[in-house]
Amino acid sequence: MPALHRALARTVSNRIAFYVQRATEQAGLSASLFARHTGITAEDLMDPNGRIDGERHRRMVQLAGRIGLPPVVLNHACATLFADFPVLGNLCMNARTLREALTAFSTYRPLIGEFDFLLCRISGQQVRFEYLAEFAPASGFQALSNFQVLAALARVYEQGVATRFMVELMGGAPPAHLARQINDFFGVPVRYHSAANRMAFAAPALDAPFAQCNAMLAPMLQQHAQQELERIQQLHSFAASVENLILEFINDPQTDTRGAALLQQLCERLQTSRWSLHRQLQLEGTHFRALEMKVKISESRRLLGNPQITLAQISEQLGFASQSAFTRFFRARHEMAPLVFRQHALLRVRSPA
């Protein structure tokens, strides 16, 4: 799959963008400029369960790198992150052992974001993590956030022996006051300008039973996390991204949506061929024509609910060659003419509840 396909098909929680936008604003970049540079608007950040597509996430990460945003230093409690991601937090904080907690975080980290790679290697009691960033890989500060969460999680499962960490980051050292906070968090000096983003620690209690684990609740928490992950992946599939682009084109008066023009412009936006697009949609069990019809049916119903918009205007906006062609399309799917549908819709609006 081309890179742009992968970027559209993967997403990141908008909570990440929410905190980055707030940090950029504190650094002097207005919300409007943030939206202009990243494509992430205030509306995108309103829904606490919203997601940001990979292309806009990439632009945001690169913007943060250009303006040199300082790293975020969490407190020692996992709740700092898990308050925004309770499904993941509940699962990680209720594992039977530290090994299971670390595995749960690695497995279900896509609930936060589906970008970057967190590699874990456990040898005996030694735990090693390496973080590979897809965007702005040399900064090291995306890795830092993940390492802080993992360190806080390891401390939850400590059994009498304080965990000692080794942390290496590829980026340069932050301002002195932040460097001190980061060192205090890990309990050791962090090494900067390293060859890779790594964190390691000894875990004598790696497989020791966690006394606070609720064994009856654990499988339900894992099932919930799995269901939420599947929901996100289905909702933000490549097909869903194509559907959103079709809707965007239809509502853009500068875009020609007639005949094959819609498909051509979609392929140009995605930087792909028609064959590749059809193949990827086929892998997800659908095809372009089905998505196009789905969007046009939905939009036709919405537009017919506005009596100020004529049928001719709706026909043109949806890319039909004529008003009669739109009428045939609509009647075939609703068993009534567009004007009749409009009359019924307006009657429902006017009727008392």
Protein backbone atom coordinates (compact mmCIF):
# COMPACT_ATOMS: atom_id res chain seq x y z
CA MET A 1 0.00 0.00 0.00
CA PRO A 2 1.45 3.44 -0.86
CA ALA A 3 2.58 5.60 2.07
CA LEU A 4 -0.34 8.01 1.76
CA HIS A 5 -2.78 5.08 1.87
CA ARG A 6 -1.19 3.88 5.09
CA ALA A 7 -1.30 7.35 6.57
CA LEU A 8 -5.01 7.73 5.84
CA ALA A 9 -5.85 4.25 7.12
CA ARG A 10 -4.10 4.80 10.48
CA THR A 11 -5.12 7.32 13.10
CA VAL A 12 -4.07 8.94 16.36
CA SER A 13 -6.28 10.03 19.23
CA ASN A 14 -7.11 13.71 19.01
CA ARG A 15 -6.06 14.01 22.67
CA ILE A 16 -2.48 14.08 21.43
CA ALA A 17 -3.31 16.91 19.05
CA PHE A 18 -5.21 18.69 21.83
CA TYR A 19 -2.12 18.84 24.04
CA VAL A 20 0.20 19.74 21.16
CA GLN A 21 -2.11 22.54 20.05
CA ARG A 22 -2.19 23.88 23.60
CA ALA A 23 1.61 23.73 23.80
CA THR A 24 2.04 25.50 20.44
CA GLU A 25 -0.35 28.22 21.60
CA GLN A 26 1.75 28.73 24.73
CA ALA A 27 4.75 28.98 22.41
CA GLY A 28 3.07 31.85 20.56
CA LEU A 29 1.38 30.05 17.63
CA SER A 30 -2.31 30.92 17.36
CA ALA A 31 -4.99 28.26 16.98
CA SER A 32 -5.73 29.49 13.45
CA LEU A 33 -2.07 29.13 12.43
CA PHE A 34 -1.93 25.69 14.01
CA ALA A 35 -4.97 24.70 11.94
CA ARG A 36 -3.44 26.18 8.78
CA HIS A 37 -0.17 24.26 9.22
CA THR A 38 -1.69 20.94 10.29
CA GLY A 39 -5.25 20.84 8.93
CA ILE A 40 -6.45 20.10 12.50
CA THR A 41 -9.28 22.45 13.44
CA ALA A 42 -10.88 23.34 16.76
CA GLU A 43 -13.84 21.14 15.79
CA ASP A 44 -11.48 18.15 15.39
CA LEU A 45 -10.42 18.55 19.02
CA MET A 46 -13.87 18.86 20.59
CA ASP A 47 -14.86 15.19 20.64
CA PRO A 48 -12.85 13.46 23.42
CA ASN A 49 -13.07 10.21 21.44
CA GLY A 50 -12.09 11.77 18.10
CA ARG A 51 -9.21 10.60 15.92
CA ILE A 52 -6.77 12.42 13.63
CA ASP A 53 -5.73 10.81 10.34
CA GLY A 54 -2.07 10.03 9.82
CA GLU A 55 -1.37 12.73 7.24
CA ARG A 56 -2.45 15.53 9.58
CA HIS A 57 -0.66 13.85 12.48
CA ARG A 58 2.53 13.87 10.41
CA ARG A 59 2.14 17.57 9.71
CA MET A 60 1.57 18.25 13.41
CA VAL A 61 4.66 16.28 14.51
CA GLN A 62 6.82 18.06 11.96
CA LEU A 63 5.43 21.44 13.02
CA ALA A 64 6.23 20.64 16.66
CA GLY A 65 9.78 19.78 15.60
CA ARG A 66 10.22 22.99 13.60
CA ILE A 67 9.17 25.27 16.45
CA GLY A 68 11.05 23.22 19.04
CA LEU A 69 8.24 22.36 21.44
CA PRO A 70 9.60 21.34 24.86
CA PRO A 71 8.95 17.78 26.06
CA VAL A 72 6.04 16.95 28.34
CA VAL A 73 7.07 15.72 31.79
CA LEU A 74 4.43 13.52 33.40
CA ASN A 75 4.05 13.01 37.11
CA HIS A 76 4.79 9.59 38.55
CA ALA A 77 1.16 8.44 38.35
CA CYS A 78 -0.06 6.53 35.29
CA ALA A 79 -3.34 8.41 35.69
CA THR A 80 -1.70 11.37 33.91
CA LEU A 81 -2.03 9.49 30.62
CA PHE A 82 -4.69 6.94 31.39
CA ALA A 83 -7.24 9.59 32.36
CA ASP A 84 -7.55 10.25 28.62
CA PHE A 85 -7.42 6.54 27.74
CA PRO A 86 -9.33 4.71 30.49
CA VAL A 87 -9.86 1.55 28.44
CA LEU A 88 -6.11 1.10 28.10
CA GLY A 89 -5.42 2.29 31.64
CA ASN A 90 -7.87 -0.10 33.27
CA LEU A 91 -6.37 -3.03 31.40
CA CYS A 92 -2.74 -2.15 32.18
CA MET A 93 -3.41 -1.41 35.85
CA ASN A 94 -5.25 -4.68 36.44
CA ALA A 95 -2.86 -7.24 34.93
CA ARG A 96 -1.85 -10.38 36.79
CA THR A 97 1.86 -9.55 36.46
CA LEU A 98 4.12 -6.77 35.26
CA ARG A 99 4.91 -8.84 32.16
CA GLU A 100 1.21 -8.93 31.26
CA ALA A 101 0.86 -5.20 31.96
CA LEU A 102 3.75 -4.33 29.62
CA THR A 103 2.39 -6.69 26.97
CA ALA A 104 -1.06 -5.11 27.26
CA PHE A 105 0.38 -1.63 26.78
CA SER A 106 2.40 -2.69 23.74
CA THR A 107 -0.55 -4.57 22.21
CA TYR A 108 -3.21 -1.93 22.76
CA ARG A 109 -1.07 1.22 22.35
CA PRO A 110 -2.89 1.80 19.00
CA LEU A 111 -5.83 2.99 21.15
CA ILE A 112 -3.65 6.07 21.61
CA GLY A 113 -2.13 6.09 18.14
CA GLU A 114 -1.32 3.72 15.31
CA PHE A 115 1.99 5.33 14.38
CA ASP A 116 5.57 4.62 15.39
CA PHE A 117 6.97 1.33 16.67
CA LEU A 118 7.58 0.30 20.26
CA LEU A 119 9.87 -2.73 20.34
CA CYS A 120 10.11 -4.78 23.53
CA ARG A 121 12.68 -7.41 24.41
CA ILE A 122 12.66 -9.34 27.69
CA SER A 123 15.63 -11.48 28.63
CA GLY A 124 15.45 -13.00 32.07
CA GLN A 125 14.64 -10.10 34.38
CA GLN A 126 15.96 -7.47 31.97
CA VAL A 127 13.36 -5.43 30.05
CA ARG A 128 14.43 -3.32 27.07
CA PHE A 129 12.34 -0.99 24.93
CA GLU A 130 13.28 0.78 21.73
CA TYR A 131 11.10 3.44 20.16
CA LEU A 132 11.19 4.05 16.40
CA ALA A 133 9.45 7.26 15.34
CA GLU A 134 8.09 7.48 11.80
CA PHE A 135 8.03 11.30 11.78
CA ALA A 136 10.79 13.54 13.16
CA PRO A 137 12.69 10.45 14.35
CA ALA A 138 15.70 12.37 15.63
CA SER A 139 13.79 14.40 18.24
CA GLY A 140 13.49 11.66 20.86
CA PHE A 141 10.62 13.37 22.64
CA GLN A 142 7.87 11.17 21.23
CA ALA A 143 9.81 8.28 22.72
CA LEU A 144 10.09 10.14 26.02
CA SER A 145 6.30 10.21 26.54
CA ASN A 146 6.04 6.46 25.99
CA PHE A 147 9.02 5.72 28.23
CA GLN A 148 7.49 7.80 31.03
CA VAL A 149 4.24 5.84 30.87
CA LEU A 150 6.10 2.52 30.84
CA ALA A 151 8.27 3.58 33.78
CA ALA A 152 5.24 4.69 35.78
CA LEU A 153 3.56 1.38 34.95
CA ALA A 154 6.61 -0.60 36.09
CA ARG A 155 6.56 1.26 39.41
CA VAL A 156 2.95 0.23 40.02
CA TYR A 157 4.05 -3.42 39.95
CA GLU A 158 7.16 -2.98 42.12
CA GLN A 159 7.35 -5.30 45.10
CA GLY A 160 9.66 -3.67 47.60
CA VAL A 161 12.60 -2.91 45.29
CA ALA A 162 12.72 0.46 43.54
CA THR A 163 13.11 0.14 39.76
CA ARG A 164 16.25 1.69 38.27
CA PHE A 165 16.02 2.84 34.67
CA MET A 166 18.47 3.53 31.86
CA VAL A 167 17.12 6.00 29.29
CA GLU A 168 18.74 7.16 26.04
CA LEU A 169 17.17 9.65 23.64
CA MET A 170 18.25 10.67 20.15
CA GLY A 171 17.41 14.35 20.54
CA GLY A 172 19.35 17.07 22.26
CA ALA A 173 18.91 17.98 25.90
CA PRO A 174 15.94 20.24 26.75
CA PRO A 175 16.29 23.41 28.86
CA ALA A 176 17.97 22.80 32.19
CA HIS A 177 14.82 22.98 34.34
CA LEU A 178 13.05 20.40 32.15
CA ALA A 179 16.13 18.17 32.07
CA ARG A 180 16.13 18.15 35.88
CA GLN A 181 12.42 17.21 35.95
CA ILE A 182 13.01 14.37 33.49
CA ASN A 183 15.95 13.08 35.51
CA ASP A 184 13.88 13.27 38.69
CA PHE A 185 11.11 11.31 37.01
CA PHE A 186 13.36 8.40 36.03
CA GLY A 187 15.66 8.69 39.03
CA VAL A 188 18.76 8.76 36.81
CA PRO A 189 20.34 11.19 34.35
CA VAL A 190 18.93 10.72 30.85
CA ARG A 191 21.47 10.47 28.03
CA TYR A 192 20.87 12.65 24.98
CA HIS A 193 22.26 12.63 21.41
CA SER A 194 22.16 8.82 21.51
CA ALA A 195 22.11 6.48 18.54
CA ALA A 196 18.59 5.26 19.38
CA ASN A 197 15.65 5.87 21.69
CA ARG A 198 16.01 3.18 24.35
CA MET A 199 14.87 2.45 27.88
CA ALA A 200 15.95 -0.54 29.99
CA PHE A 201 15.39 -1.71 33.55
CA ALA A 202 15.67 -4.77 35.73
CA ALA A 203 12.36 -6.29 36.84
CA PRO A 204 12.85 -8.94 39.56
CA ALA A 205 9.07 -9.08 40.06
CA LEU A 206 8.34 -9.44 36.34
CA ASP A 207 6.21 -12.57 36.82
CA ALA A 208 5.25 -12.13 40.46
CA PRO A 209 1.45 -12.09 41.05
CA PHE A 210 0.04 -8.58 41.42
CA ALA A 211 -1.98 -8.54 44.63
CA GLN A 212 -4.34 -5.77 43.45
CA CYS A 213 -5.39 -7.63 40.28
CA ASN A 214 -9.10 -8.40 40.06
CA ALA A 215 -8.99 -11.77 38.27
CA MET A 216 -12.71 -11.78 37.48
CA LEU A 217 -12.56 -8.32 35.92
CA ALA A 218 -9.37 -8.90 33.88
CA PRO A 219 -10.88 -10.83 30.92
CA MET A 220 -13.70 -8.32 30.59
CA LEU A 221 -11.22 -5.44 30.48
CA GLN A 222 -9.22 -7.19 27.76
CA GLN A 223 -12.38 -7.89 25.75
CA HIS A 224 -13.37 -4.23 26.06
CA ALA A 225 -9.93 -3.11 24.84
CA GLN A 226 -10.07 -5.52 21.89
CA GLN A 227 -13.55 -4.36 20.90
CA GLU A 228 -12.51 -0.70 21.11
CA LEU A 229 -9.43 -1.36 18.98
CA GLU A 230 -11.50 -3.15 16.34
CA ARG A 231 -14.05 -0.34 16.38
CA ILE A 232 -11.35 2.27 15.75
CA GLN A 233 -9.72 0.26 12.97
CA GLN A 234 -13.05 -0.33 11.24
CA LEU A 235 -14.23 3.26 11.62
CA HIS A 236 -10.97 4.66 10.30
CA SER A 237 -10.29 2.12 7.60
CA PHE A 238 -9.04 3.09 4.16
CA ALA A 239 -12.62 2.77 2.88
CA ALA A 240 -13.80 5.23 5.52
CA SER A 241 -11.08 7.66 4.48
CA VAL A 242 -12.15 7.37 0.83
CA GLU A 243 -15.75 7.95 1.87
CA ASN A 244 -14.75 11.12 3.73
CA LEU A 245 -12.84 12.38 0.69
CA ILE A 246 -15.85 11.78 -1.56
CA LEU A 247 -17.96 13.83 0.84
CA GLU A 248 -15.33 16.58 0.88
CA PHE A 249 -15.26 16.73 -2.94
CA ILE A 250 -19.05 16.78 -3.22
CA ASN A 251 -19.27 19.75 -0.87
CA ASP A 252 -16.46 21.67 -2.60
CA PRO A 253 -17.95 23.90 -5.33
CA GLN A 254 -14.54 24.00 -7.05
CA THR A 255 -14.48 20.22 -7.56
CA ASP A 256 -15.99 18.55 -10.62
CA THR A 257 -17.91 15.49 -9.38
CA ARG A 258 -19.52 14.50 -12.69
CA GLY A 259 -18.96 11.07 -14.18
CA ALA A 260 -15.39 9.76 -13.93
CA ALA A 261 -14.04 13.15 -12.74
CA LEU A 262 -14.72 12.31 -9.08
CA LEU A 263 -12.70 9.09 -9.22
CA GLN A 264 -9.87 10.79 -11.10
CA GLN A 265 -9.56 13.60 -8.56
CA LEU A 266 -9.73 11.12 -5.70
CA CYS A 267 -6.82 9.15 -7.15
CA GLU A 268 -4.86 12.36 -7.64
CA ARG A 269 -5.41 13.35 -4.01
CA LEU A 270 -4.34 9.90 -2.82
CA GLN A 271 -1.41 9.82 -5.25
CA THR A 272 -2.41 6.40 -6.51
CA SER A 273 -3.75 4.63 -9.58
CA ARG A 274 -7.33 3.52 -10.09
CA TRP A 275 -6.20 -0.10 -9.98
CA SER A 276 -4.46 0.34 -6.62
CA LEU A 277 -7.45 2.14 -5.16
CA HIS A 278 -9.90 -0.53 -6.34
CA ARG A 279 -7.59 -3.27 -5.06
CA GLN A 280 -7.29 -1.76 -1.58
CA LEU A 281 -11.06 -1.23 -1.32
CA GLN A 282 -11.61 -4.80 -2.50
CA LEU A 283 -9.41 -6.04 0.35
CA GLU A 284 -11.79 -4.27 2.76
CA GLY A 285 -14.85 -5.82 1.12
CA THR A 286 -16.16 -2.83 -0.79
CA HIS A 287 -15.64 -0.82 -3.99
CA PHE A 288 -15.58 2.80 -5.08
CA ARG A 289 -19.05 2.83 -6.66
CA ALA A 290 -20.66 1.54 -3.46
CA LEU A 291 -18.98 4.26 -1.39
CA GLU A 292 -19.92 6.93 -3.92
CA MET A 293 -23.57 5.87 -3.87
CA LYS A 294 -23.60 5.72 -0.07
CA VAL A 295 -22.30 9.27 0.22
CA LYS A 296 -24.63 10.63 -2.46
CA ILE A 297 -27.70 9.03 -0.90
CA SER A 298 -26.82 10.45 2.51
CA GLU A 299 -26.08 13.90 1.14
CA SER A 300 -29.20 13.94 -1.02
CA ARG A 301 -31.36 13.29 2.04
CA ARG A 302 -29.57 16.02 3.99
CA LEU A 303 -29.85 18.57 1.16
CA LEU A 304 -33.51 17.79 0.54
CA GLY A 305 -34.17 18.74 4.14
CA ASN A 306 -33.30 22.34 3.22
CA PRO A 307 -36.18 23.85 1.21
CA GLN A 308 -33.94 26.73 0.09
CA ILE A 309 -31.90 24.40 -2.13
CA THR A 310 -33.51 23.52 -5.47
CA LEU A 311 -33.46 20.05 -7.02
CA ALA A 312 -31.35 21.44 -9.85
CA GLN A 313 -28.76 22.67 -7.35
CA ILE A 314 -28.72 19.33 -5.55
CA SER A 315 -28.36 17.48 -8.85
CA GLU A 316 -25.39 19.63 -9.85
CA GLN A 317 -23.69 19.40 -6.45
CA LEU A 318 -23.95 15.61 -6.43
CA GLY A 319 -22.51 15.38 -9.93
CA PHE A 320 -25.56 14.21 -11.90
CA ALA A 321 -25.83 15.08 -15.57
CA SER A 322 -29.38 16.37 -15.14
CA GLN A 323 -32.16 16.81 -12.61
CA SER A 324 -34.03 13.90 -14.16
CA ALA A 325 -30.98 11.65 -13.68
CA PHE A 326 -30.88 12.59 -9.99
CA THR A 327 -34.61 11.93 -9.67
CA ARG A 328 -34.22 8.44 -11.18
CA PHE A 329 -31.28 7.74 -8.85
CA PHE A 330 -33.21 8.85 -5.78
CA ARG A 331 -36.46 7.12 -6.69
CA ALA A 332 -34.67 3.81 -7.29
CA ARG A 333 -33.39 3.82 -3.70
CA HIS A 334 -36.31 5.39 -1.82
CA GLU A 335 -39.30 4.38 -3.95
CA MET A 336 -40.42 8.00 -4.00
CA ALA A 337 -39.46 11.14 -5.89
CA PRO A 338 -37.13 13.68 -4.24
CA LEU A 339 -39.91 16.28 -3.92
CA VAL A 340 -42.17 13.80 -2.13
CA PHE A 341 -39.31 12.92 0.24
CA ARG A 342 -38.81 16.65 0.89
CA GLN A 343 -42.48 17.17 1.67
CA HIS A 344 -42.48 14.26 4.13
CA ALA A 345 -39.29 15.52 5.75
CA LEU A 346 -40.68 19.02 6.20
CA LEU A 347 -43.91 17.65 7.65
CA ARG A 348 -41.94 15.67 10.23
CA VAL A 349 -40.03 18.80 11.22
CA ARG A 350 -43.21 20.84 11.62
CA SER A 351 -45.15 18.17 13.52
CA PRO A 352 -45.18 18.64 17.32
CA ALA A 353 -43.14 16.10 19.31
